[in-house]
mmCIF file of all heavy atoms, coordinates in Angstrom:
data_MODEL
# 
_entry.id   MODEL 
# 
loop_
_atom_site.group_PDB 
_atom_site.id 
_atom_site.type_symbol 
_atom_site.label_atom_id 
_atom_site.label_alt_id 
_atom_site.label_comp_id 
_atom_site.label_asym_id 
_atom_site.label_entity_id 
_atom_site.label_seq_id 
_atom_site.pdbx_PDB_ins_code 
_atom_site.Cartn_x 
_atom_site.Cartn_y 
_atom_site.Cartn_z 
_atom_site.occupancy 
_atom_site.B_iso_or_equiv 
_atom_site.pdbx_formal_charge 
_atom_site.auth_seq_id 
_atom_site.auth_comp_id 
_atom_site.auth_asym_id 
_atom_site.auth_atom_id 
_atom_site.pdbx_PDB_model_num 
ATOM 1   N N   . LEU A 1 1  ? 0.837  -1.185 0.000   1.00 0.00 ? 1  LEU A N   1 
ATOM 2   C CA  . LEU A 1 1  ? 0.000  0.000  0.000   1.00 0.00 ? 1  LEU A CA  1 
ATOM 3   C C   . LEU A 1 1  ? 0.873  1.236  0.000   1.00 0.00 ? 1  LEU A C   1 
ATOM 4   O O   . LEU A 1 1  ? 1.744  1.404  0.854   1.00 0.00 ? 1  LEU A O   1 
ATOM 5   C CB  . LEU A 1 1  ? -0.915 -0.001 1.236   1.00 0.00 ? 1  LEU A CB  1 
ATOM 6   C CG  . LEU A 1 1  ? -1.938 -1.148 1.304   1.00 0.00 ? 1  LEU A CG  1 
ATOM 7   C CD1 . LEU A 1 1  ? -2.727 -1.063 2.603   1.00 0.00 ? 1  LEU A CD1 1 
ATOM 8   C CD2 . LEU A 1 1  ? -2.866 -1.111 0.103   1.00 0.00 ? 1  LEU A CD2 1 
ATOM 9   N N   . ALA A 1 2  ? 0.646  2.111  -0.976  1.00 0.00 ? 2  ALA A N   1 
ATOM 10  C CA  . ALA A 1 2  ? 1.462  3.311  -1.105  1.00 0.00 ? 2  ALA A CA  1 
ATOM 11  C C   . ALA A 1 2  ? 0.810  4.467  -0.349  1.00 0.00 ? 2  ALA A C   1 
ATOM 12  O O   . ALA A 1 2  ? -0.391 4.475  -0.091  1.00 0.00 ? 2  ALA A O   1 
ATOM 13  C CB  . ALA A 1 2  ? 1.625  3.674  -2.581  1.00 0.00 ? 2  ALA A CB  1 
ATOM 14  N N   . GLN A 1 3  ? 1.637  5.449  0.009   1.00 0.00 ? 3  GLN A N   1 
ATOM 15  C CA  . GLN A 1 3  ? 1.114  6.675  0.587   1.00 0.00 ? 3  GLN A CA  1 
ATOM 16  C C   . GLN A 1 3  ? 0.505  7.518  -0.531  1.00 0.00 ? 3  GLN A C   1 
ATOM 17  O O   . GLN A 1 3  ? 0.817  7.342  -1.699  1.00 0.00 ? 3  GLN A O   1 
ATOM 18  C CB  . GLN A 1 3  ? 2.239  7.481  1.255   1.00 0.00 ? 3  GLN A CB  1 
ATOM 19  C CG  . GLN A 1 3  ? 3.232  6.660  2.029   1.00 0.00 ? 3  GLN A CG  1 
ATOM 20  C CD  . GLN A 1 3  ? 4.438  6.295  1.173   1.00 0.00 ? 3  GLN A CD  1 
ATOM 21  O OE1 . GLN A 1 3  ? 4.307  6.078  -0.023  1.00 0.00 ? 3  GLN A OE1 1 
ATOM 22  N NE2 . GLN A 1 3  ? 5.587  6.195  1.795   1.00 0.00 ? 3  GLN A NE2 1 
ATOM 23  N N   . PRO A 1 4  ? -0.369 8.443  -0.185  1.00 0.00 ? 4  PRO A N   1 
ATOM 24  C CA  . PRO A 1 4  ? -0.846 9.384  -1.215  1.00 0.00 ? 4  PRO A CA  1 
ATOM 25  C C   . PRO A 1 4  ? 0.258  10.355 -1.582  1.00 0.00 ? 4  PRO A C   1 
ATOM 26  O O   . PRO A 1 4  ? 1.273  10.456 -0.889  1.00 0.00 ? 4  PRO A O   1 
ATOM 27  C CB  . PRO A 1 4  ? -2.001 10.099 -0.510  1.00 0.00 ? 4  PRO A CB  1 
ATOM 28  C CG  . PRO A 1 4  ? -1.650 10.028 0.946   1.00 0.00 ? 4  PRO A CG  1 
ATOM 29  C CD  . PRO A 1 4  ? -0.959 8.696  1.130   1.00 0.00 ? 4  PRO A CD  1 
ATOM 30  N N   . ILE A 1 5  ? 0.064  11.066 -2.680  1.00 0.00 ? 5  ILE A N   1 
ATOM 31  C CA  . ILE A 1 5  ? 0.986  12.137 -3.053  1.00 0.00 ? 5  ILE A CA  1 
ATOM 32  C C   . ILE A 1 5  ? 0.456  13.429 -2.452  1.00 0.00 ? 5  ILE A C   1 
ATOM 33  O O   . ILE A 1 5  ? -0.647 13.873 -2.780  1.00 0.00 ? 5  ILE A O   1 
ATOM 34  C CB  . ILE A 1 5  ? 1.109  12.259 -4.582  1.00 0.00 ? 5  ILE A CB  1 
ATOM 35  C CG1 . ILE A 1 5  ? 1.700  10.971 -5.163  1.00 0.00 ? 5  ILE A CG1 1 
ATOM 36  C CG2 . ILE A 1 5  ? 1.970  13.451 -4.957  1.00 0.00 ? 5  ILE A CG2 1 
ATOM 37  C CD1 . ILE A 1 5  ? 1.816  10.984 -6.683  1.00 0.00 ? 5  ILE A CD1 1 
ATOM 38  N N   . THR A 1 6  ? 1.225  14.015 -1.552  1.00 0.00 ? 6  THR A N   1 
ATOM 39  C CA  . THR A 1 6  ? 0.810  15.245 -0.901  1.00 0.00 ? 6  THR A CA  1 
ATOM 40  C C   . THR A 1 6  ? 1.944  16.263 -0.990  1.00 0.00 ? 6  THR A C   1 
ATOM 41  O O   . THR A 1 6  ? 3.109  15.932 -0.755  1.00 0.00 ? 6  THR A O   1 
ATOM 42  C CB  . THR A 1 6  ? 0.451  15.009 0.585   1.00 0.00 ? 6  THR A CB  1 
ATOM 43  O OG1 . THR A 1 6  ? 1.566  14.394 1.249   1.00 0.00 ? 6  THR A OG1 1 
ATOM 44  C CG2 . THR A 1 6  ? -0.753 14.097 0.703   1.00 0.00 ? 6  THR A CG2 1 
ATOM 45  N N   . PRO A 1 7  ? 1.631  17.506 -1.350  1.00 0.00 ? 7  PRO A N   1 
ATOM 46  C CA  . PRO A 1 7  ? 2.687  18.519 -1.481  1.00 0.00 ? 7  PRO A CA  1 
ATOM 47  C C   . PRO A 1 7  ? 3.165  18.996 -0.122  1.00 0.00 ? 7  PRO A C   1 
ATOM 48  O O   . PRO A 1 7  ? 2.438  18.949 0.875   1.00 0.00 ? 7  PRO A O   1 
ATOM 49  C CB  . PRO A 1 7  ? 1.984  19.643 -2.250  1.00 0.00 ? 7  PRO A CB  1 
ATOM 50  C CG  . PRO A 1 7  ? 0.544  19.495 -1.886  1.00 0.00 ? 7  PRO A CG  1 
ATOM 51  C CD  . PRO A 1 7  ? 0.298  18.029 -1.695  1.00 0.00 ? 7  PRO A CD  1 
ATOM 52  N N   . ALA A 1 8  ? 4.416  19.450 -0.082  1.00 0.00 ? 8  ALA A N   1 
ATOM 53  C CA  . ALA A 1 8  ? 4.967  20.088 1.109   1.00 0.00 ? 8  ALA A CA  1 
ATOM 54  C C   . ALA A 1 8  ? 5.043  21.597 0.875   1.00 0.00 ? 8  ALA A C   1 
ATOM 55  O O   . ALA A 1 8  ? 4.933  22.067 -0.254  1.00 0.00 ? 8  ALA A O   1 
ATOM 56  C CB  . ALA A 1 8  ? 6.351  19.514 1.421   1.00 0.00 ? 8  ALA A CB  1 
ATOM 57  N N   . ASP A 1 9  ? 5.226  22.323 1.938   1.00 0.00 ? 9  ASP A N   1 
ATOM 58  C CA  . ASP A 1 9  ? 5.353  23.778 1.820   1.00 0.00 ? 9  ASP A CA  1 
ATOM 59  C C   . ASP A 1 9  ? 6.672  24.141 1.144   1.00 0.00 ? 9  ASP A C   1 
ATOM 60  O O   . ASP A 1 9  ? 7.661  23.425 1.251   1.00 0.00 ? 9  ASP A O   1 
ATOM 61  C CB  . ASP A 1 9  ? 5.300  24.428 3.199   1.00 0.00 ? 9  ASP A CB  1 
ATOM 62  C CG  . ASP A 1 9  ? 3.949  24.247 3.871   1.00 0.00 ? 9  ASP A CG  1 
ATOM 63  O OD1 . ASP A 1 9  ? 2.957  24.074 3.141   1.00 0.00 ? 9  ASP A OD1 1 
ATOM 64  O OD2 . ASP A 1 9  ? 3.896  24.279 5.117   1.00 0.00 ? 9  ASP A OD2 1 
ATOM 65  N N   . GLY A 1 10 ? 6.672  25.251 0.428   1.00 0.00 ? 10 GLY A N   1 
ATOM 66  C CA  . GLY A 1 10 ? 7.937  25.790 -0.045  1.00 0.00 ? 10 GLY A CA  1 
ATOM 67  C C   . GLY A 1 10 ? 8.070  25.948 -1.538  1.00 0.00 ? 10 GLY A C   1 
ATOM 68  O O   . GLY A 1 10 ? 8.716  26.887 -2.004  1.00 0.00 ? 10 GLY A O   1 
ATOM 69  N N   . THR A 1 11 ? 7.491  25.037 -2.332  1.00 0.00 ? 11 THR A N   1 
ATOM 70  C CA  . THR A 1 11 ? 7.686  25.130 -3.787  1.00 0.00 ? 11 THR A CA  1 
ATOM 71  C C   . THR A 1 11 ? 6.435  25.541 -4.546  1.00 0.00 ? 11 THR A C   1 
ATOM 72  O O   . THR A 1 11 ? 6.521  25.850 -5.734  1.00 0.00 ? 11 THR A O   1 
ATOM 73  C CB  . THR A 1 11 ? 8.165  23.779 -4.363  1.00 0.00 ? 11 THR A CB  1 
ATOM 74  O OG1 . THR A 1 11 ? 7.202  22.766 -4.055  1.00 0.00 ? 11 THR A OG1 1 
ATOM 75  C CG2 . THR A 1 11 ? 9.518  23.384 -3.810  1.00 0.00 ? 11 THR A CG2 1 
ATOM 76  N N   . GLY A 1 12 ? 5.285  25.514 -3.907  1.00 0.00 ? 12 GLY A N   1 
ATOM 77  C CA  . GLY A 1 12 ? 4.047  25.817 -4.628  1.00 0.00 ? 12 GLY A CA  1 
ATOM 78  C C   . GLY A 1 12 ? 3.585  24.677 -5.504  1.00 0.00 ? 12 GLY A C   1 
ATOM 79  O O   . GLY A 1 12 ? 2.847  24.892 -6.479  1.00 0.00 ? 12 GLY A O   1 
ATOM 80  N N   . THR A 1 13 ? 3.973  23.454 -5.178  1.00 0.00 ? 13 THR A N   1 
ATOM 81  C CA  . THR A 1 13 ? 3.538  22.276 -5.931  1.00 0.00 ? 13 THR A CA  1 
ATOM 82  C C   . THR A 1 13 ? 2.039  22.076 -5.779  1.00 0.00 ? 13 THR A C   1 
ATOM 83  O O   . THR A 1 13 ? 1.492  22.194 -4.681  1.00 0.00 ? 13 THR A O   1 
ATOM 84  C CB  . THR A 1 13 ? 4.296  21.029 -5.443  1.00 0.00 ? 13 THR A CB  1 
ATOM 85  O OG1 . THR A 1 13 ? 5.696  21.210 -5.686  1.00 0.00 ? 13 THR A OG1 1 
ATOM 86  C CG2 . THR A 1 13 ? 3.815  19.776 -6.144  1.00 0.00 ? 13 THR A CG2 1 
ATOM 87  N N   . ILE A 1 14 ? 1.379  21.763 -6.889  1.00 0.00 ? 14 ILE A N   1 
ATOM 88  C CA  . ILE A 1 14 ? -0.072 21.568 -6.907  1.00 0.00 ? 14 ILE A CA  1 
ATOM 89  C C   . ILE A 1 14 ? -0.372 20.131 -7.340  1.00 0.00 ? 14 ILE A C   1 
ATOM 90  O O   . ILE A 1 14 ? 0.140  19.660 -8.352  1.00 0.00 ? 14 ILE A O   1 
ATOM 91  C CB  . ILE A 1 14 ? -0.754 22.554 -7.867  1.00 0.00 ? 14 ILE A CB  1 
ATOM 92  C CG1 . ILE A 1 14 ? -0.476 24.002 -7.429  1.00 0.00 ? 14 ILE A CG1 1 
ATOM 93  C CG2 . ILE A 1 14 ? -2.267 22.302 -7.932  1.00 0.00 ? 14 ILE A CG2 1 
ATOM 94  C CD1 . ILE A 1 14 ? -0.919 25.040 -8.448  1.00 0.00 ? 14 ILE A CD1 1 
ATOM 95  N N   . ILE A 1 15 ? -1.201 19.448 -6.570  1.00 0.00 ? 15 ILE A N   1 
ATOM 96  C CA  . ILE A 1 15 ? -1.606 18.070 -6.864  1.00 0.00 ? 15 ILE A CA  1 
ATOM 97  C C   . ILE A 1 15 ? -3.069 18.076 -7.295  1.00 0.00 ? 15 ILE A C   1 
ATOM 98  O O   . ILE A 1 15 ? -3.941 18.545 -6.558  1.00 0.00 ? 15 ILE A O   1 
ATOM 99  C CB  . ILE A 1 15 ? -1.430 17.160 -5.639  1.00 0.00 ? 15 ILE A CB  1 
ATOM 100 C CG1 . ILE A 1 15 ? 0.007  17.239 -5.113  1.00 0.00 ? 15 ILE A CG1 1 
ATOM 101 C CG2 . ILE A 1 15 ? -1.818 15.723 -5.962  1.00 0.00 ? 15 ILE A CG2 1 
ATOM 102 C CD1 . ILE A 1 15 ? 1.048  16.789 -6.091  1.00 0.00 ? 15 ILE A CD1 1 
ATOM 103 N N   . THR A 1 16 ? -3.346 17.548 -8.506  1.00 0.00 ? 16 THR A N   1 
ATOM 104 C CA  . THR A 1 16 ? -4.715 17.533 -9.029  1.00 0.00 ? 16 THR A CA  1 
ATOM 105 C C   . THR A 1 16 ? -5.081 16.115 -9.462  1.00 0.00 ? 16 THR A C   1 
ATOM 106 O O   . THR A 1 16 ? -4.667 15.654 -10.529 1.00 0.00 ? 16 THR A O   1 
ATOM 107 C CB  . THR A 1 16 ? -4.862 18.488 -10.226 1.00 0.00 ? 16 THR A CB  1 
ATOM 108 O OG1 . THR A 1 16 ? -4.392 19.788 -9.871  1.00 0.00 ? 16 THR A OG1 1 
ATOM 109 C CG2 . THR A 1 16 ? -6.314 18.575 -10.667 1.00 0.00 ? 16 THR A CG2 1 
ATOM 110 N N   . PRO A 1 17 ? -5.860 15.380 -8.650  1.00 0.00 ? 17 PRO A N   1 
ATOM 111 C CA  . PRO A 1 17 ? -6.286 14.032 -9.047  1.00 0.00 ? 17 PRO A CA  1 
ATOM 112 C C   . PRO A 1 17 ? -7.305 14.097 -10.184 1.00 0.00 ? 17 PRO A C   1 
ATOM 113 O O   . PRO A 1 17 ? -8.190 14.954 -10.205 1.00 0.00 ? 17 PRO A O   1 
ATOM 114 C CB  . PRO A 1 17 ? -6.932 13.465 -7.776  1.00 0.00 ? 17 PRO A CB  1 
ATOM 115 C CG  . PRO A 1 17 ? -6.460 14.360 -6.659  1.00 0.00 ? 17 PRO A CG  1 
ATOM 116 C CD  . PRO A 1 17 ? -6.275 15.702 -7.271  1.00 0.00 ? 17 PRO A CD  1 
ATOM 117 N N   . ASP A 1 18 ? -7.178 13.186 -11.143 1.00 0.00 ? 18 ASP A N   1 
ATOM 118 C CA  . ASP A 1 18 ? -8.127 13.050 -12.249 1.00 0.00 ? 18 ASP A CA  1 
ATOM 119 C C   . ASP A 1 18 ? -8.278 11.555 -12.519 1.00 0.00 ? 18 ASP A C   1 
ATOM 120 O O   . ASP A 1 18 ? -7.574 10.990 -13.333 1.00 0.00 ? 18 ASP A O   1 
ATOM 121 C CB  . ASP A 1 18 ? -7.613 13.784 -13.495 1.00 0.00 ? 18 ASP A CB  1 
ATOM 122 C CG  . ASP A 1 18 ? -8.626 13.778 -14.629 1.00 0.00 ? 18 ASP A CG  1 
ATOM 123 O OD1 . ASP A 1 18 ? -9.720 13.188 -14.459 1.00 0.00 ? 18 ASP A OD1 1 
ATOM 124 O OD2 . ASP A 1 18 ? -8.328 14.352 -15.693 1.00 0.00 ? 18 ASP A OD2 1 
ATOM 125 N N   . GLY A 1 19 ? -9.210 10.922 -11.813 1.00 0.00 ? 19 GLY A N   1 
ATOM 126 C CA  . GLY A 1 19 ? -9.333 9.475  -11.889 1.00 0.00 ? 19 GLY A CA  1 
ATOM 127 C C   . GLY A 1 19 ? -8.093 8.823  -11.291 1.00 0.00 ? 19 GLY A C   1 
ATOM 128 O O   . GLY A 1 19 ? -7.663 9.173  -10.190 1.00 0.00 ? 19 GLY A O   1 
ATOM 129 N N   . ASN A 1 20 ? -7.505 7.890  -12.032 1.00 0.00 ? 20 ASN A N   1 
ATOM 130 C CA  . ASN A 1 20 ? -6.280 7.230  -11.572 1.00 0.00 ? 20 ASN A CA  1 
ATOM 131 C C   . ASN A 1 20 ? -5.032 8.069  -11.828 1.00 0.00 ? 20 ASN A C   1 
ATOM 132 O O   . ASN A 1 20 ? -3.944 7.721  -11.364 1.00 0.00 ? 20 ASN A O   1 
ATOM 133 C CB  . ASN A 1 20 ? -6.110 5.865  -12.254 1.00 0.00 ? 20 ASN A CB  1 
ATOM 134 C CG  . ASN A 1 20 ? -7.072 4.839  -11.712 1.00 0.00 ? 20 ASN A CG  1 
ATOM 135 O OD1 . ASN A 1 20 ? -7.553 4.965  -10.584 1.00 0.00 ? 20 ASN A OD1 1 
ATOM 136 N ND2 . ASN A 1 20 ? -7.363 3.814  -12.487 1.00 0.00 ? 20 ASN A ND2 1 
ATOM 137 N N   . ARG A 1 21 ? -5.174 9.167  -12.593 1.00 0.00 ? 21 ARG A N   1 
ATOM 138 C CA  . ARG A 1 21 ? -4.030 10.023 -12.898 1.00 0.00 ? 21 ARG A CA  1 
ATOM 139 C C   . ARG A 1 21 ? -3.949 11.173 -11.901 1.00 0.00 ? 21 ARG A C   1 
ATOM 140 O O   . ARG A 1 21 ? -4.959 11.791 -11.568 1.00 0.00 ? 21 ARG A O   1 
ATOM 141 C CB  . ARG A 1 21 ? -4.138 10.578 -14.312 1.00 0.00 ? 21 ARG A CB  1 
ATOM 142 C CG  . ARG A 1 21 ? -2.838 11.241 -14.799 1.00 0.00 ? 21 ARG A CG  1 
ATOM 143 C CD  . ARG A 1 21 ? -3.000 11.890 -16.158 1.00 0.00 ? 21 ARG A CD  1 
ATOM 144 N NE  . ARG A 1 21 ? -3.747 13.136 -16.070 1.00 0.00 ? 21 ARG A NE  1 
ATOM 145 C CZ  . ARG A 1 21 ? -4.862 13.388 -16.750 1.00 0.00 ? 21 ARG A CZ  1 
ATOM 146 N NH1 . ARG A 1 21 ? -5.375 12.498 -17.580 1.00 0.00 ? 21 ARG A NH1 1 
ATOM 147 N NH2 . ARG A 1 21 ? -5.468 14.565 -16.622 1.00 0.00 ? 21 ARG A NH2 1 
ATOM 148 N N   . ILE A 1 22 ? -2.736 11.441 -11.434 1.00 0.00 ? 22 ILE A N   1 
ATOM 149 C CA  . ILE A 1 22 ? -2.495 12.529 -10.498 1.00 0.00 ? 22 ILE A CA  1 
ATOM 150 C C   . ILE A 1 22 ? -1.578 13.528 -11.192 1.00 0.00 ? 22 ILE A C   1 
ATOM 151 O O   . ILE A 1 22 ? -0.393 13.257 -11.421 1.00 0.00 ? 22 ILE A O   1 
ATOM 152 C CB  . ILE A 1 22 ? -1.850 12.014 -9.203  1.00 0.00 ? 22 ILE A CB  1 
ATOM 153 C CG1 . ILE A 1 22 ? -2.745 10.948 -8.553  1.00 0.00 ? 22 ILE A CG1 1 
ATOM 154 C CG2 . ILE A 1 22 ? -1.598 13.157 -8.233  1.00 0.00 ? 22 ILE A CG2 1 
ATOM 155 C CD1 . ILE A 1 22 ? -2.046 10.131 -7.494  1.00 0.00 ? 22 ILE A CD1 1 
ATOM 156 N N   . ASP A 1 23 ? -2.132 14.675 -11.589 1.00 0.00 ? 23 ASP A N   1 
ATOM 157 C CA  . ASP A 1 23 ? -1.344 15.700 -12.263 1.00 0.00 ? 23 ASP A CA  1 
ATOM 158 C C   . ASP A 1 23 ? -0.556 16.509 -11.241 1.00 0.00 ? 23 ASP A C   1 
ATOM 159 O O   . ASP A 1 23 ? -1.095 16.944 -10.213 1.00 0.00 ? 23 ASP A O   1 
ATOM 160 C CB  . ASP A 1 23 ? -2.249 16.631 -13.072 1.00 0.00 ? 23 ASP A CB  1 
ATOM 161 C CG  . ASP A 1 23 ? -2.852 15.943 -14.289 1.00 0.00 ? 23 ASP A CG  1 
ATOM 162 O OD1 . ASP A 1 23 ? -2.244 14.986 -14.787 1.00 0.00 ? 23 ASP A OD1 1 
ATOM 163 O OD2 . ASP A 1 23 ? -3.936 16.387 -14.734 1.00 0.00 ? 23 ASP A OD2 1 
ATOM 164 N N   . ILE A 1 24 ? 0.718  16.733 -11.550 1.00 0.00 ? 24 ILE A N   1 
ATOM 165 C CA  . ILE A 1 24 ? 1.615  17.478 -10.663 1.00 0.00 ? 24 ILE A CA  1 
ATOM 166 C C   . ILE A 1 24 ? 2.066  18.730 -11.407 1.00 0.00 ? 24 ILE A C   1 
ATOM 167 O O   . ILE A 1 24 ? 2.763  18.649 -12.422 1.00 0.00 ? 24 ILE A O   1 
ATOM 168 C CB  . ILE A 1 24 ? 2.821  16.619 -10.255 1.00 0.00 ? 24 ILE A CB  1 
ATOM 169 C CG1 . ILE A 1 24 ? 2.347  15.348 -9.531  1.00 0.00 ? 24 ILE A CG1 1 
ATOM 170 C CG2 . ILE A 1 24 ? 3.774  17.419 -9.364  1.00 0.00 ? 24 ILE A CG2 1 
ATOM 171 C CD1 . ILE A 1 24 ? 3.422  14.312 -9.339  1.00 0.00 ? 24 ILE A CD1 1 
ATOM 172 N N   . SER A 1 25 ? 1.641  19.881 -10.917 1.00 0.00 ? 25 SER A N   1 
ATOM 173 C CA  . SER A 1 25 ? 1.942  21.154 -11.582 1.00 0.00 ? 25 SER A CA  1 
ATOM 174 C C   . SER A 1 25 ? 2.460  22.149 -10.555 1.00 0.00 ? 25 SER A C   1 
ATOM 175 O O   . SER A 1 25 ? 2.755  21.798 -9.414  1.00 0.00 ? 25 SER A O   1 
ATOM 176 C CB  . SER A 1 25 ? 0.693  21.691 -12.295 1.00 0.00 ? 25 SER A CB  1 
ATOM 177 O OG  . SER A 1 25 ? -0.366 21.887 -11.360 1.00 0.00 ? 25 SER A OG  1 
ATOM 178 N N   . GLY A 1 26 ? 2.554  23.416 -10.964 1.00 0.00 ? 26 GLY A N   1 
ATOM 179 C CA  . GLY A 1 26 ? 3.086  24.430 -10.069 1.00 0.00 ? 26 GLY A CA  1 
ATOM 180 C C   . GLY A 1 26 ? 4.579  24.249 -9.895  1.00 0.00 ? 26 GLY A C   1 
ATOM 181 O O   . GLY A 1 26 ? 5.306  23.984 -10.845 1.00 0.00 ? 26 GLY A O   1 
ATOM 182 N N   . GLY A 1 27 ? 5.060  24.347 -8.674  1.00 0.00 ? 27 GLY A N   1 
ATOM 183 C CA  . GLY A 1 27 ? 6.481  24.226 -8.406  1.00 0.00 ? 27 GLY A CA  1 
ATOM 184 C C   . GLY A 1 27 ? 7.190  25.562 -8.506  1.00 0.00 ? 27 GLY A C   1 
ATOM 185 O O   . GLY A 1 27 ? 6.585  26.606 -8.760  1.00 0.00 ? 27 GLY A O   1 
# 
């Protein structure tokens, strides 16, 4: 079992789930 993808403070990373795909933007 994997952990979820969660952003940390500092870079402005944005996590956007779309079904089974997790888009990673910002930064």
